[in-house]
Amino acid sequence: MNTIQYLNKSTLFAGLDSDELRSLSDTIAIKRLKKGEILFLDGDVASGFYAVFEGKIRIFKSNPDGKEYTIHVINPGQIFGEVAIFEGTNFPASSIAIENSVVGFFPKDRFLALIKEYPNISLKIIGSLARFLREYNRMVEDLALKEVPARIAGYLLAKAGETNKKVINLDIKKTELALKLGTISETLSRNLRKMKDNGIIKVDNQQIDILDFNRLNSIADGEKF
């Protein structure tokens, strides 16, 4: 698949005309990553940003003891590392492929020159950045103020809200979800099992059915169960 085909598959660049797509494709370097391969580390020089075309990228921070905290999981059609555009300094977190992945690298200087010619492209970046910040702020608040059951319930409700369905298909492994929620796999599994035993959810591998939205909302608000 060539670069323009990757861009055409991405909802991030939907609406761009052929000239914009062609010019954008000339700025991109395609990178293919194996599962578990590091893309950049916290503190690396940010000379550009990335878009995911295939696979998934996990953005994470590590504390001095080596414990990792997942900040975000980047899916196809999303961008990350936008700090390179606005600050041009260093990446504030690390990134790793959690599946075999294909990403596009956008060098800052070439990209900034491009959006001067095609301002519409910059609007897409601003929208993506706003969504990222909204989710990041919510995650920080949850980690600081909520117990693990409330974080899990809030996550399930948010995923259900994305599709307006009561059936959730987890797009990351439970070990990755535990990291994202600031806990460990055993604690995540124990709480999911307790919710299942209480008739709140039904769990079948990566699929979770919400059986009692009212109870799940109460848990998300801090109610013990």
N, C-alpha and C. Protein backbone atom coordinates (compact mmCIF):
# COMPACT_ATOMS: atom_id res chain seq x y z
N MET A 1 0.85 -1.19 0.00
CA MET A 1 0.00 0.00 0.00
C MET A 1 0.89 1.24 0.00
N ASN A 2 0.59 2.21 -0.88
CA ASN A 2 1.41 3.42 -0.92
C ASN A 2 0.89 4.46 0.08
N THR A 3 1.63 5.57 0.18
CA THR A 3 1.31 6.58 1.19
C THR A 3 -0.06 7.20 0.99
N ILE A 4 -0.41 7.51 -0.24
CA ILE A 4 -1.72 8.12 -0.51
C ILE A 4 -2.85 7.16 -0.12
N GLN A 5 -2.64 5.86 -0.36
CA GLN A 5 -3.66 4.89 0.02
C GLN A 5 -3.83 4.84 1.54
N TYR A 6 -2.73 4.93 2.27
CA TYR A 6 -2.84 4.99 3.72
C TYR A 6 -3.61 6.23 4.16
N LEU A 7 -3.32 7.37 3.54
CA LEU A 7 -4.02 8.60 3.89
C LEU A 7 -5.50 8.50 3.58
N ASN A 8 -5.84 7.89 2.46
CA ASN A 8 -7.24 7.74 2.06
C ASN A 8 -8.01 6.85 3.03
N LYS A 9 -7.32 5.89 3.67
CA LYS A 9 -7.97 5.00 4.63
C LYS A 9 -8.23 5.69 5.96
N SER A 10 -7.52 6.78 6.22
CA SER A 10 -7.59 7.42 7.53
C SER A 10 -8.70 8.46 7.58
N THR A 11 -9.59 8.32 8.55
CA THR A 11 -10.66 9.31 8.72
C THR A 11 -10.10 10.67 9.11
N LEU A 12 -8.89 10.68 9.66
CA LEU A 12 -8.26 11.94 10.05
C LEU A 12 -8.12 12.89 8.87
N PHE A 13 -7.89 12.32 7.68
CA PHE A 13 -7.64 13.15 6.50
C PHE A 13 -8.80 13.13 5.52
N ALA A 14 -9.96 12.68 6.00
CA ALA A 14 -11.16 12.69 5.16
C ALA A 14 -11.51 14.12 4.79
N GLY A 15 -11.91 14.32 3.57
CA GLY A 15 -12.30 15.66 3.14
C GLY A 15 -11.20 16.42 2.43
N LEU A 16 -9.97 15.94 2.51
CA LEU A 16 -8.89 16.60 1.78
C LEU A 16 -9.00 16.26 0.30
N ASP A 17 -8.76 17.25 -0.55
CA ASP A 17 -8.85 16.98 -1.98
C ASP A 17 -7.56 16.31 -2.47
N SER A 18 -7.54 15.95 -3.75
CA SER A 18 -6.42 15.17 -4.27
C SER A 18 -5.10 15.93 -4.20
N ASP A 19 -5.13 17.24 -4.44
CA ASP A 19 -3.89 18.02 -4.36
C ASP A 19 -3.35 18.06 -2.93
N GLU A 20 -4.27 18.22 -1.96
CA GLU A 20 -3.85 18.24 -0.56
C GLU A 20 -3.27 16.90 -0.14
N LEU A 21 -3.94 15.81 -0.55
CA LEU A 21 -3.46 14.48 -0.22
C LEU A 21 -2.09 14.21 -0.84
N ARG A 22 -1.93 14.59 -2.07
CA ARG A 22 -0.66 14.37 -2.75
C ARG A 22 0.47 15.16 -2.08
N SER A 23 0.18 16.41 -1.76
CA SER A 23 1.20 17.23 -1.10
C SER A 23 1.53 16.69 0.28
N LEU A 24 0.49 16.23 1.01
CA LEU A 24 0.70 15.67 2.34
C LEU A 24 1.53 14.40 2.26
N SER A 25 1.24 13.56 1.27
CA SER A 25 1.97 12.29 1.15
C SER A 25 3.45 12.51 0.90
N ASP A 26 3.79 13.64 0.27
CA ASP A 26 5.20 13.93 -0.01
C ASP A 26 5.99 14.29 1.24
N THR A 27 5.28 14.61 2.33
CA THR A 27 5.98 15.00 3.58
C THR A 27 6.18 13.83 4.52
N ILE A 28 5.53 12.70 4.25
CA ILE A 28 5.45 11.61 5.23
C ILE A 28 6.52 10.54 5.00
N ALA A 29 7.05 10.03 6.10
CA ALA A 29 7.88 8.82 6.06
C ALA A 29 7.09 7.70 6.74
N ILE A 30 6.89 6.59 6.04
CA ILE A 30 6.15 5.46 6.58
C ILE A 30 7.10 4.60 7.43
N LYS A 31 6.64 4.25 8.62
CA LYS A 31 7.41 3.38 9.52
C LYS A 31 6.56 2.16 9.86
N ARG A 32 7.18 0.99 9.80
CA ARG A 32 6.51 -0.25 10.18
C ARG A 32 7.14 -0.77 11.46
N LEU A 33 6.29 -1.04 12.46
CA LEU A 33 6.77 -1.43 13.77
C LEU A 33 6.29 -2.83 14.13
N LYS A 34 7.16 -3.61 14.74
CA LYS A 34 6.77 -4.90 15.27
C LYS A 34 6.13 -4.72 16.65
N LYS A 35 5.27 -5.65 17.03
CA LYS A 35 4.69 -5.62 18.36
C LYS A 35 5.81 -5.54 19.40
N GLY A 36 5.68 -4.60 20.33
CA GLY A 36 6.67 -4.45 21.38
C GLY A 36 7.82 -3.52 21.02
N GLU A 37 7.81 -2.98 19.81
CA GLU A 37 8.90 -2.09 19.39
C GLU A 37 8.64 -0.66 19.87
N ILE A 38 9.65 -0.06 20.46
CA ILE A 38 9.57 1.33 20.93
C ILE A 38 9.69 2.28 19.74
N LEU A 39 8.81 3.28 19.71
CA LEU A 39 8.88 4.29 18.65
C LEU A 39 9.71 5.48 19.13
N PHE A 40 9.39 6.01 20.29
CA PHE A 40 10.23 7.04 20.91
C PHE A 40 10.11 6.94 22.42
N LEU A 41 11.09 7.52 23.11
CA LEU A 41 11.12 7.49 24.57
C LEU A 41 10.89 8.88 25.14
N ASP A 42 10.39 8.91 26.36
CA ASP A 42 10.21 10.16 27.10
C ASP A 42 11.53 10.94 27.09
N GLY A 43 11.47 12.19 26.60
CA GLY A 43 12.66 13.02 26.56
C GLY A 43 13.35 13.06 25.21
N ASP A 44 12.99 12.13 24.30
CA ASP A 44 13.58 12.18 22.95
C ASP A 44 13.20 13.48 22.26
N VAL A 45 14.09 13.97 21.41
CA VAL A 45 13.81 15.19 20.66
C VAL A 45 12.60 14.98 19.75
N ALA A 46 11.65 15.90 19.82
CA ALA A 46 10.42 15.81 19.02
C ALA A 46 10.61 16.62 17.74
N SER A 47 11.02 15.94 16.69
CA SER A 47 11.27 16.62 15.42
C SER A 47 10.08 16.51 14.47
N GLY A 48 9.02 15.88 14.93
CA GLY A 48 7.82 15.71 14.11
C GLY A 48 6.77 14.95 14.89
N PHE A 49 5.65 14.68 14.25
CA PHE A 49 4.58 13.93 14.92
C PHE A 49 4.18 12.74 14.07
N TYR A 50 3.24 11.93 14.58
CA TYR A 50 2.90 10.66 13.95
C TYR A 50 1.39 10.50 13.77
N ALA A 51 1.04 9.67 12.80
CA ALA A 51 -0.35 9.21 12.63
C ALA A 51 -0.32 7.69 12.53
N VAL A 52 -1.31 7.04 13.13
CA VAL A 52 -1.40 5.58 13.06
C VAL A 52 -2.29 5.20 11.87
N PHE A 53 -1.76 4.35 11.01
CA PHE A 53 -2.54 3.85 9.87
C PHE A 53 -3.02 2.41 10.11
N GLU A 54 -2.19 1.61 10.78
CA GLU A 54 -2.57 0.23 11.11
C GLU A 54 -2.00 -0.11 12.48
N GLY A 55 -2.72 -0.94 13.24
CA GLY A 55 -2.23 -1.37 14.54
C GLY A 55 -2.62 -0.41 15.66
N LYS A 56 -1.88 -0.47 16.76
CA LYS A 56 -2.16 0.37 17.93
C LYS A 56 -0.84 0.76 18.59
N ILE A 57 -0.77 1.99 19.07
CA ILE A 57 0.40 2.51 19.76
C ILE A 57 -0.01 2.92 21.17
N ARG A 58 0.77 2.48 22.16
CA ARG A 58 0.49 2.86 23.54
C ARG A 58 1.43 3.98 23.97
N ILE A 59 0.85 5.06 24.50
CA ILE A 59 1.62 6.17 25.05
C ILE A 59 1.66 5.98 26.56
N PHE A 60 2.86 6.02 27.15
CA PHE A 60 2.96 5.74 28.58
C PHE A 60 4.07 6.55 29.24
N LYS A 61 3.95 6.65 30.57
CA LYS A 61 4.97 7.27 31.41
C LYS A 61 5.47 6.21 32.39
N SER A 62 6.73 6.33 32.78
CA SER A 62 7.30 5.43 33.78
C SER A 62 7.75 6.24 34.99
N ASN A 63 7.49 5.70 36.19
CA ASN A 63 7.97 6.39 37.39
C ASN A 63 9.38 5.89 37.72
N PRO A 64 10.04 6.48 38.70
CA PRO A 64 11.42 6.08 39.01
C PRO A 64 11.58 4.60 39.37
N ASP A 65 10.50 3.97 39.82
CA ASP A 65 10.56 2.54 40.17
C ASP A 65 10.33 1.64 38.97
N GLY A 66 10.09 2.24 37.82
CA GLY A 66 9.88 1.45 36.61
C GLY A 66 8.44 1.09 36.33
N LYS A 67 7.51 1.51 37.19
CA LYS A 67 6.10 1.22 36.96
C LYS A 67 5.57 2.10 35.84
N GLU A 68 4.85 1.49 34.91
CA GLU A 68 4.34 2.22 33.75
C GLU A 68 2.87 2.61 33.94
N TYR A 69 2.53 3.79 33.44
CA TYR A 69 1.15 4.27 33.45
C TYR A 69 0.76 4.60 32.02
N THR A 70 -0.27 3.92 31.53
CA THR A 70 -0.73 4.18 30.17
C THR A 70 -1.51 5.49 30.14
N ILE A 71 -1.10 6.38 29.27
CA ILE A 71 -1.78 7.66 29.11
C ILE A 71 -2.86 7.56 28.04
N HIS A 72 -2.54 6.86 26.96
CA HIS A 72 -3.46 6.82 25.83
C HIS A 72 -3.11 5.64 24.95
N VAL A 73 -4.09 5.05 24.31
CA VAL A 73 -3.87 4.05 23.27
C VAL A 73 -4.33 4.66 21.95
N ILE A 74 -3.40 4.78 21.02
CA ILE A 74 -3.66 5.46 19.74
C ILE A 74 -4.11 4.43 18.71
N ASN A 75 -5.28 4.63 18.16
CA ASN A 75 -5.86 3.73 17.16
C ASN A 75 -5.69 4.28 15.76
N PRO A 76 -5.91 3.45 14.74
CA PRO A 76 -5.82 3.94 13.36
C PRO A 76 -6.71 5.15 13.13
N GLY A 77 -6.15 6.15 12.45
CA GLY A 77 -6.89 7.38 12.18
C GLY A 77 -6.59 8.49 13.17
N GLN A 78 -5.80 8.18 14.20
CA GLN A 78 -5.47 9.19 15.21
C GLN A 78 -4.01 9.62 15.06
N ILE A 79 -3.72 10.83 15.53
CA ILE A 79 -2.36 11.34 15.54
C ILE A 79 -1.84 11.43 16.96
N PHE A 80 -0.53 11.50 17.11
CA PHE A 80 0.07 11.65 18.43
C PHE A 80 1.45 12.29 18.28
N GLY A 81 1.96 12.81 19.38
CA GLY A 81 3.24 13.50 19.34
C GLY A 81 3.13 14.91 18.79
N GLU A 82 1.92 15.51 18.89
CA GLU A 82 1.71 16.85 18.32
C GLU A 82 2.50 17.93 19.04
N VAL A 83 3.11 17.58 20.18
CA VAL A 83 3.94 18.55 20.89
C VAL A 83 5.02 19.10 19.98
N ALA A 84 5.43 18.30 18.99
CA ALA A 84 6.49 18.74 18.07
C ALA A 84 6.05 19.96 17.27
N ILE A 85 4.75 20.08 17.01
CA ILE A 85 4.25 21.21 16.22
C ILE A 85 4.22 22.47 17.07
N PHE A 86 3.73 22.33 18.30
CA PHE A 86 3.44 23.51 19.12
C PHE A 86 4.61 23.96 20.00
N GLU A 87 5.47 23.02 20.38
CA GLU A 87 6.58 23.39 21.25
C GLU A 87 7.94 23.11 20.63
N GLY A 88 8.01 22.03 19.84
CA GLY A 88 9.25 21.72 19.15
C GLY A 88 10.39 21.36 20.08
N THR A 89 10.08 20.72 21.21
CA THR A 89 11.13 20.41 22.18
C THR A 89 11.33 18.89 22.27
N ASN A 90 10.78 18.29 23.32
CA ASN A 90 10.97 16.86 23.55
C ASN A 90 9.63 16.17 23.79
N PHE A 91 9.59 14.90 23.47
CA PHE A 91 8.37 14.14 23.74
C PHE A 91 8.20 13.99 25.26
N PRO A 92 6.98 14.25 25.78
CA PRO A 92 6.76 14.19 27.22
C PRO A 92 6.41 12.80 27.73
N ALA A 93 6.40 11.78 26.85
CA ALA A 93 6.08 10.41 27.24
C ALA A 93 6.72 9.47 26.23
N SER A 94 6.60 8.19 26.50
CA SER A 94 7.16 7.17 25.61
C SER A 94 6.05 6.52 24.80
N SER A 95 6.42 5.82 23.72
CA SER A 95 5.42 5.13 22.89
C SER A 95 5.96 3.78 22.46
N ILE A 96 5.05 2.81 22.40
CA ILE A 96 5.40 1.44 22.03
C ILE A 96 4.26 0.84 21.22
N ALA A 97 4.59 0.01 20.24
CA ALA A 97 3.57 -0.67 19.44
C ALA A 97 3.03 -1.85 20.24
N ILE A 98 1.72 -1.91 20.42
CA ILE A 98 1.13 -3.06 21.12
C ILE A 98 0.57 -4.08 20.14
N GLU A 99 0.68 -3.77 18.85
CA GLU A 99 0.42 -4.70 17.75
C GLU A 99 1.43 -4.37 16.65
N ASN A 100 1.59 -5.27 15.69
CA ASN A 100 2.31 -4.88 14.48
C ASN A 100 1.60 -3.67 13.89
N SER A 101 2.33 -2.61 13.64
CA SER A 101 1.69 -1.33 13.30
C SER A 101 2.39 -0.64 12.14
N VAL A 102 1.63 0.24 11.48
CA VAL A 102 2.17 1.13 10.45
C VAL A 102 1.83 2.56 10.86
N VAL A 103 2.85 3.40 10.95
CA VAL A 103 2.63 4.81 11.31
C VAL A 103 3.26 5.69 10.25
N GLY A 104 2.75 6.91 10.15
CA GLY A 104 3.34 7.91 9.29
C GLY A 104 4.02 8.98 10.13
N PHE A 105 5.26 9.31 9.78
CA PHE A 105 5.99 10.36 10.49
C PHE A 105 5.95 11.65 9.68
N PHE A 106 5.52 12.75 10.33
CA PHE A 106 5.40 14.05 9.70
C PHE A 106 6.48 14.99 10.25
N PRO A 107 7.57 15.22 9.53
CA PRO A 107 8.60 16.15 10.03
C PRO A 107 8.01 17.55 10.23
N LYS A 108 8.34 18.16 11.35
CA LYS A 108 7.74 19.44 11.72
C LYS A 108 7.92 20.50 10.64
N ASP A 109 9.14 20.75 10.19
CA ASP A 109 9.41 21.85 9.27
C ASP A 109 8.63 21.70 7.96
N ARG A 110 8.64 20.49 7.42
CA ARG A 110 7.93 20.26 6.16
C ARG A 110 6.42 20.37 6.34
N PHE A 111 5.94 19.91 7.50
CA PHE A 111 4.50 19.98 7.74
C PHE A 111 4.04 21.42 7.92
N LEU A 112 4.79 22.22 8.66
CA LEU A 112 4.41 23.62 8.86
C LEU A 112 4.39 24.39 7.54
N ALA A 113 5.33 24.07 6.67
CA ALA A 113 5.33 24.71 5.36
C ALA A 113 4.09 24.31 4.56
N LEU A 114 3.69 23.05 4.73
CA LEU A 114 2.53 22.55 3.99
C LEU A 114 1.24 23.22 4.44
N ILE A 115 1.04 23.39 5.76
CA ILE A 115 -0.24 23.94 6.21
C ILE A 115 -0.35 25.44 5.93
N LYS A 116 0.77 26.08 5.65
CA LYS A 116 0.68 27.47 5.18
C LYS A 116 0.02 27.52 3.81
N GLU A 117 0.26 26.48 3.03
CA GLU A 117 -0.34 26.40 1.70
C GLU A 117 -1.75 25.83 1.75
N TYR A 118 -1.98 24.88 2.68
CA TYR A 118 -3.29 24.22 2.80
C TYR A 118 -3.77 24.33 4.26
N PRO A 119 -4.33 25.47 4.66
CA PRO A 119 -4.74 25.68 6.07
C PRO A 119 -5.76 24.66 6.56
N ASN A 120 -6.55 24.07 5.68
CA ASN A 120 -7.58 23.12 6.10
C ASN A 120 -6.98 21.93 6.84
N ILE A 121 -5.76 21.56 6.47
CA ILE A 121 -5.12 20.42 7.12
C ILE A 121 -4.90 20.70 8.60
N SER A 122 -4.54 21.93 8.94
CA SER A 122 -4.27 22.27 10.34
C SER A 122 -5.52 22.14 11.21
N LEU A 123 -6.71 22.37 10.61
CA LEU A 123 -7.95 22.24 11.38
C LEU A 123 -8.16 20.81 11.85
N LYS A 124 -7.76 19.85 11.03
CA LYS A 124 -7.86 18.44 11.42
C LYS A 124 -6.97 18.16 12.63
N ILE A 125 -5.77 18.72 12.62
CA ILE A 125 -4.83 18.50 13.72
C ILE A 125 -5.38 19.11 15.01
N ILE A 126 -5.94 20.31 14.92
CA ILE A 126 -6.49 20.97 16.10
C ILE A 126 -7.62 20.15 16.70
N GLY A 127 -8.48 19.59 15.85
CA GLY A 127 -9.58 18.77 16.33
C GLY A 127 -9.08 17.52 17.04
N SER A 128 -8.08 16.89 16.47
CA SER A 128 -7.52 15.68 17.07
C SER A 128 -6.87 16.01 18.41
N LEU A 129 -6.16 17.12 18.48
CA LEU A 129 -5.50 17.52 19.72
C LEU A 129 -6.52 17.82 20.81
N ALA A 130 -7.61 18.47 20.44
CA ALA A 130 -8.65 18.79 21.43
C ALA A 130 -9.26 17.53 22.02
N ARG A 131 -9.51 16.52 21.18
CA ARG A 131 -10.07 15.25 21.68
C ARG A 131 -9.09 14.56 22.62
N PHE A 132 -7.80 14.59 22.25
CA PHE A 132 -6.78 13.97 23.07
C PHE A 132 -6.71 14.63 24.45
N LEU A 133 -6.70 15.96 24.48
CA LEU A 133 -6.60 16.68 25.75
C LEU A 133 -7.82 16.42 26.63
N ARG A 134 -9.00 16.33 26.02
CA ARG A 134 -10.21 16.07 26.78
C ARG A 134 -10.12 14.71 27.47
N GLU A 135 -9.68 13.70 26.73
CA GLU A 135 -9.58 12.36 27.32
C GLU A 135 -8.45 12.31 28.35
N TYR A 136 -7.34 12.99 28.07
CA TYR A 136 -6.22 13.00 29.01
C TYR A 136 -6.62 13.64 30.34
N ASN A 137 -7.32 14.77 30.27
CA ASN A 137 -7.76 15.44 31.49
C ASN A 137 -8.70 14.57 32.31
N ARG A 138 -9.59 13.87 31.63
CA ARG A 138 -10.51 12.97 32.32
C ARG A 138 -9.75 11.84 33.00
N MET A 139 -8.74 11.30 32.31
CA MET A 139 -7.97 10.20 32.87
C MET A 139 -7.19 10.64 34.11
N VAL A 140 -6.57 11.82 34.05
CA VAL A 140 -5.81 12.32 35.20
C VAL A 140 -6.74 12.52 36.40
N GLU A 141 -7.91 13.06 36.15
CA GLU A 141 -8.88 13.28 37.23
C GLU A 141 -9.31 11.95 37.85
N ASP A 142 -9.56 10.96 37.00
CA ASP A 142 -9.98 9.65 37.51
C ASP A 142 -8.88 9.02 38.37
N LEU A 143 -7.64 9.07 37.89
CA LEU A 143 -6.54 8.46 38.64
C LEU A 143 -6.34 9.14 39.99
N ALA A 144 -6.58 10.44 40.03
CA ALA A 144 -6.33 11.20 41.26
C ALA A 144 -7.47 11.05 42.27
N LEU A 145 -8.70 10.95 41.79
CA LEU A 145 -9.84 11.08 42.68
C LEU A 145 -10.68 9.81 42.84
N LYS A 146 -10.54 8.84 41.96
CA LYS A 146 -11.45 7.69 41.99
C LYS A 146 -10.72 6.40 42.33
N GLU A 147 -11.46 5.51 43.02
CA GLU A 147 -10.95 4.18 43.29
C GLU A 147 -11.04 3.32 42.03
N VAL A 148 -10.37 2.17 42.06
CA VAL A 148 -10.30 1.32 40.87
C VAL A 148 -11.69 0.92 40.34
N PRO A 149 -12.66 0.47 41.20
CA PRO A 149 -13.97 0.10 40.66
C PRO A 149 -14.65 1.25 39.91
N ALA A 150 -14.51 2.47 40.42
CA ALA A 150 -15.11 3.64 39.76
C ALA A 150 -14.44 3.91 38.42
N ARG A 151 -13.12 3.71 38.34
CA ARG A 151 -12.42 3.91 37.08
C ARG A 151 -12.87 2.90 36.04
N ILE A 152 -13.02 1.64 36.48
CA ILE A 152 -13.46 0.59 35.56
C ILE A 152 -14.86 0.89 35.06
N ALA A 153 -15.77 1.22 35.98
CA ALA A 153 -17.15 1.52 35.60
C ALA A 153 -17.21 2.71 34.66
N GLY A 154 -16.43 3.75 34.94
CA GLY A 154 -16.41 4.92 34.08
C GLY A 154 -15.90 4.60 32.69
N TYR A 155 -14.87 3.74 32.64
CA TYR A 155 -14.33 3.34 31.34
C TYR A 155 -15.38 2.58 30.53
N LEU A 156 -16.07 1.63 31.16
CA LEU A 156 -17.08 0.84 30.45
C LEU A 156 -18.22 1.73 29.95
N LEU A 157 -18.63 2.68 30.77
CA LEU A 157 -19.70 3.58 30.35
C LEU A 157 -19.26 4.47 29.19
N ALA A 158 -18.01 4.92 29.23
CA ALA A 158 -17.50 5.76 28.14
C ALA A 158 -17.43 4.97 26.83
N LYS A 159 -16.98 3.71 26.91
CA LYS A 159 -16.91 2.88 25.71
C LYS A 159 -18.31 2.62 25.15
N ALA A 160 -19.27 2.37 26.05
CA ALA A 160 -20.65 2.15 25.60
C ALA A 160 -21.21 3.41 24.95
N GLY A 161 -20.84 4.57 25.50
CA GLY A 161 -21.33 5.83 24.95
C GLY A 161 -20.80 6.12 23.56
N GLU A 162 -19.63 5.56 23.23
CA GLU A 162 -19.05 5.80 21.91
C GLU A 162 -19.90 5.18 20.81
N THR A 163 -20.54 4.06 21.11
CA THR A 163 -21.32 3.34 20.09
C THR A 163 -22.82 3.31 20.37
N ASN A 164 -23.21 3.86 21.54
CA ASN A 164 -24.62 3.81 21.96
C ASN A 164 -25.14 2.38 22.01
N LYS A 165 -24.27 1.47 22.43
CA LYS A 165 -24.66 0.06 22.56
C LYS A 165 -24.25 -0.44 23.93
N LYS A 166 -24.96 -1.47 24.39
CA LYS A 166 -24.64 -2.03 25.70
C LYS A 166 -23.55 -3.10 25.62
N VAL A 167 -23.18 -3.50 24.41
CA VAL A 167 -22.14 -4.51 24.21
C VAL A 167 -20.84 -3.81 23.86
N ILE A 168 -19.80 -4.09 24.63
CA ILE A 168 -18.50 -3.47 24.43
C ILE A 168 -17.51 -4.53 23.98
N ASN A 169 -16.79 -4.26 22.90
CA ASN A 169 -15.70 -5.12 22.48
C ASN A 169 -14.39 -4.40 22.80
N LEU A 170 -13.69 -4.91 23.79
CA LEU A 170 -12.45 -4.26 24.21
C LEU A 170 -11.43 -4.31 23.07
N ASP A 171 -10.87 -3.14 22.73
CA ASP A 171 -9.92 -3.07 21.63
C ASP A 171 -8.47 -3.17 22.11
N ILE A 172 -8.27 -3.40 23.42
CA ILE A 172 -6.95 -3.63 23.96
C ILE A 172 -7.03 -4.82 24.93
N LYS A 173 -5.91 -5.47 25.15
CA LYS A 173 -5.89 -6.59 26.08
C LYS A 173 -6.13 -6.09 27.51
N LYS A 174 -6.56 -7.00 28.35
CA LYS A 174 -6.88 -6.61 29.72
C LYS A 174 -5.65 -6.14 30.48
N THR A 175 -4.48 -6.68 30.13
CA THR A 175 -3.26 -6.18 30.77
C THR A 175 -3.01 -4.72 30.41
N GLU A 176 -3.28 -4.36 29.15
CA GLU A 176 -3.12 -2.98 28.71
C GLU A 176 -4.19 -2.09 29.34
N LEU A 177 -5.41 -2.63 29.47
CA LEU A 177 -6.48 -1.86 30.09
C LEU A 177 -6.15 -1.58 31.55
N ALA A 178 -5.58 -2.56 32.24
CA ALA A 178 -5.21 -2.36 33.63
C ALA A 178 -4.20 -1.23 33.76
N LEU A 179 -3.22 -1.20 32.88
CA LEU A 179 -2.23 -0.12 32.90
C LEU A 179 -2.89 1.23 32.64
N LYS A 180 -3.82 1.24 31.70
CA LYS A 180 -4.52 2.48 31.36
C LYS A 180 -5.30 3.02 32.54
N LEU A 181 -5.84 2.10 33.35
CA LEU A 181 -6.67 2.50 34.48
C LEU A 181 -5.86 2.65 35.77
N GLY A 182 -4.54 2.52 35.66
CA GLY A 182 -3.70 2.73 36.83
C GLY A 182 -3.79 1.63 37.86
N THR A 183 -3.94 0.38 37.40
CA THR A 183 -4.02 -0.74 38.34
C THR A 183 -3.26 -1.91 37.75
N ILE A 184 -3.45 -3.11 38.32
CA ILE A 184 -2.80 -4.31 37.83
C ILE A 184 -3.85 -5.28 37.32
N SER A 185 -3.40 -6.26 36.53
CA SER A 185 -4.35 -7.18 35.90
C SER A 185 -5.21 -7.93 36.90
N GLU A 186 -4.59 -8.35 38.01
CA GLU A 186 -5.34 -9.13 39.00
C GLU A 186 -6.46 -8.30 39.61
N THR A 187 -6.19 -7.03 39.89
CA THR A 187 -7.23 -6.15 40.47
C THR A 187 -8.33 -5.89 39.46
N LEU A 188 -7.96 -5.67 38.20
CA LEU A 188 -8.96 -5.47 37.15
C LEU A 188 -9.86 -6.70 37.03
N SER A 189 -9.26 -7.88 36.96
CA SER A 189 -10.03 -9.12 36.80
C SER A 189 -10.94 -9.36 38.00
N ARG A 190 -10.43 -9.07 39.20
CA ARG A 190 -11.23 -9.28 40.41
C ARG A 190 -12.46 -8.37 40.42
N ASN A 191 -12.30 -7.13 40.02
CA ASN A 191 -13.43 -6.20 39.99
C ASN A 191 -14.42 -6.54 38.88
N LEU A 192 -13.92 -6.95 37.72
CA LEU A 192 -14.83 -7.36 36.65
C LEU A 192 -15.62 -8.59 37.08
N ARG A 193 -14.95 -9.52 37.75
CA ARG A 193 -15.64 -10.72 38.23
C ARG A 193 -16.70 -10.37 39.26
N LYS A 194 -16.40 -9.42 40.13
CA LYS A 194 -17.37 -9.01 41.15
C LYS A 194 -18.57 -8.32 40.50
N MET A 195 -18.32 -7.50 39.48
CA MET A 195 -19.44 -6.87 38.75
C MET A 195 -20.28 -7.93 38.05
N LYS A 196 -19.60 -8.94 37.52
CA LYS A 196 -20.33 -10.03 36.87
C LYS A 196 -21.18 -10.79 37.88
N ASP A 197 -20.60 -11.12 39.04
CA ASP A 197 -21.33 -11.87 40.07
C ASP A 197 -22.53 -11.09 40.60
N ASN A 198 -22.44 -9.76 40.55
CA ASN A 198 -23.54 -8.91 41.02
C ASN A 198 -24.57 -8.62 39.92
N GLY A 199 -24.39 -9.25 38.76
CA GLY A 199 -25.36 -9.08 37.69
C GLY A 199 -25.30 -7.73 36.99
N ILE A 200 -24.16 -7.04 37.11
CA ILE A 200 -24.03 -5.72 36.50
C ILE A 200 -23.53 -5.83 35.06
N ILE A 201 -22.63 -6.78 34.83
CA ILE A 201 -22.10 -6.99 33.49
C ILE A 201 -22.02 -8.49 33.21
N LYS A 202 -21.83 -8.81 31.95
CA LYS A 202 -21.54 -10.17 31.52
C LYS A 202 -20.23 -10.12 30.75
N VAL A 203 -19.30 -11.01 31.07
CA VAL A 203 -17.97 -10.98 30.46
C VAL A 203 -17.74 -12.25 29.65
N ASP A 204 -17.34 -12.06 28.40
CA ASP A 204 -17.00 -13.19 27.53
C ASP A 204 -15.73 -12.82 26.76
N ASN A 205 -14.58 -13.19 27.33
CA ASN A 205 -13.29 -12.82 26.76
C ASN A 205 -13.17 -11.31 26.62
N GLN A 206 -13.07 -10.82 25.38
CA GLN A 206 -12.91 -9.38 25.16
C GLN A 206 -14.25 -8.66 25.02
N GLN A 207 -15.35 -9.38 25.15
CA GLN A 207 -16.67 -8.76 25.02
C GLN A 207 -17.32 -8.61 26.39
N ILE A 208 -17.83 -7.42 26.65
CA ILE A 208 -18.51 -7.14 27.92
C ILE A 208 -19.90 -6.58 27.61
N ASP A 209 -20.92 -7.23 28.15
CA ASP A 209 -22.30 -6.75 28.03
C ASP A 209 -22.68 -6.03 29.32
N ILE A 210 -23.18 -4.81 29.19
CA ILE A 210 -23.66 -4.08 30.36
C ILE A 210 -25.11 -4.46 30.61
N LEU A 211 -25.37 -5.06 31.76
CA LEU A 211 -26.72 -5.53 32.10
C LEU A 211 -27.48 -4.53 32.97
N ASP A 212 -26.76 -3.72 33.72
CA ASP A 212 -27.41 -2.79 34.65
C ASP A 212 -26.68 -1.44 34.59
N PHE A 213 -27.16 -0.56 33.70
CA PHE A 213 -26.53 0.75 33.52
C PHE A 213 -26.63 1.60 34.78
N ASN A 214 -27.78 1.53 35.48
CA ASN A 214 -27.96 2.36 36.67
C ASN A 214 -26.95 2.02 37.75
N ARG A 215 -26.76 0.73 37.97
CA ARG A 215 -25.79 0.30 38.99
C ARG A 215 -24.37 0.68 38.58
N LEU A 216 -24.07 0.53 37.30
CA LEU A 216 -22.72 0.87 36.81
C LEU A 216 -22.46 2.36 36.96
N ASN A 217 -23.47 3.16 36.70
CA ASN A 217 -23.34 4.61 36.90
C ASN A 217 -23.08 4.94 38.36
N SER A 218 -23.75 4.24 39.26
CA SER A 218 -23.56 4.49 40.70
C SER A 218 -22.14 4.14 41.12
N ILE A 219 -21.61 3.04 40.58
CA ILE A 219 -20.24 2.65 40.90
C ILE A 219 -19.25 3.68 40.36
N ALA A 220 -19.52 4.17 39.14
CA ALA A 220 -18.66 5.20 38.55
C ALA A 220 -18.66 6.45 39.40
N ASP A 221 -19.75 6.71 40.11
CA ASP A 221 -19.86 7.88 40.98
C ASP A 221 -19.28 7.64 42.37
N GLY A 222 -18.76 6.41 42.58
CA GLY A 222 -18.09 6.14 43.86
C GLY A 222 -18.81 5.22 44.79
N GLU A 223 -19.98 4.70 44.40
CA GLU A 223 -20.72 3.78 45.29
C GLU A 223 -19.96 2.47 45.44
N LYS A 224 -19.91 1.96 46.67
CA LYS A 224 -19.29 0.66 46.92
C LYS A 224 -20.23 -0.44 46.47
N PHE A 225 -19.63 -1.58 46.11
CA PHE A 225 -20.48 -2.72 45.72
C PHE A 225 -19.81 -4.01 46.16
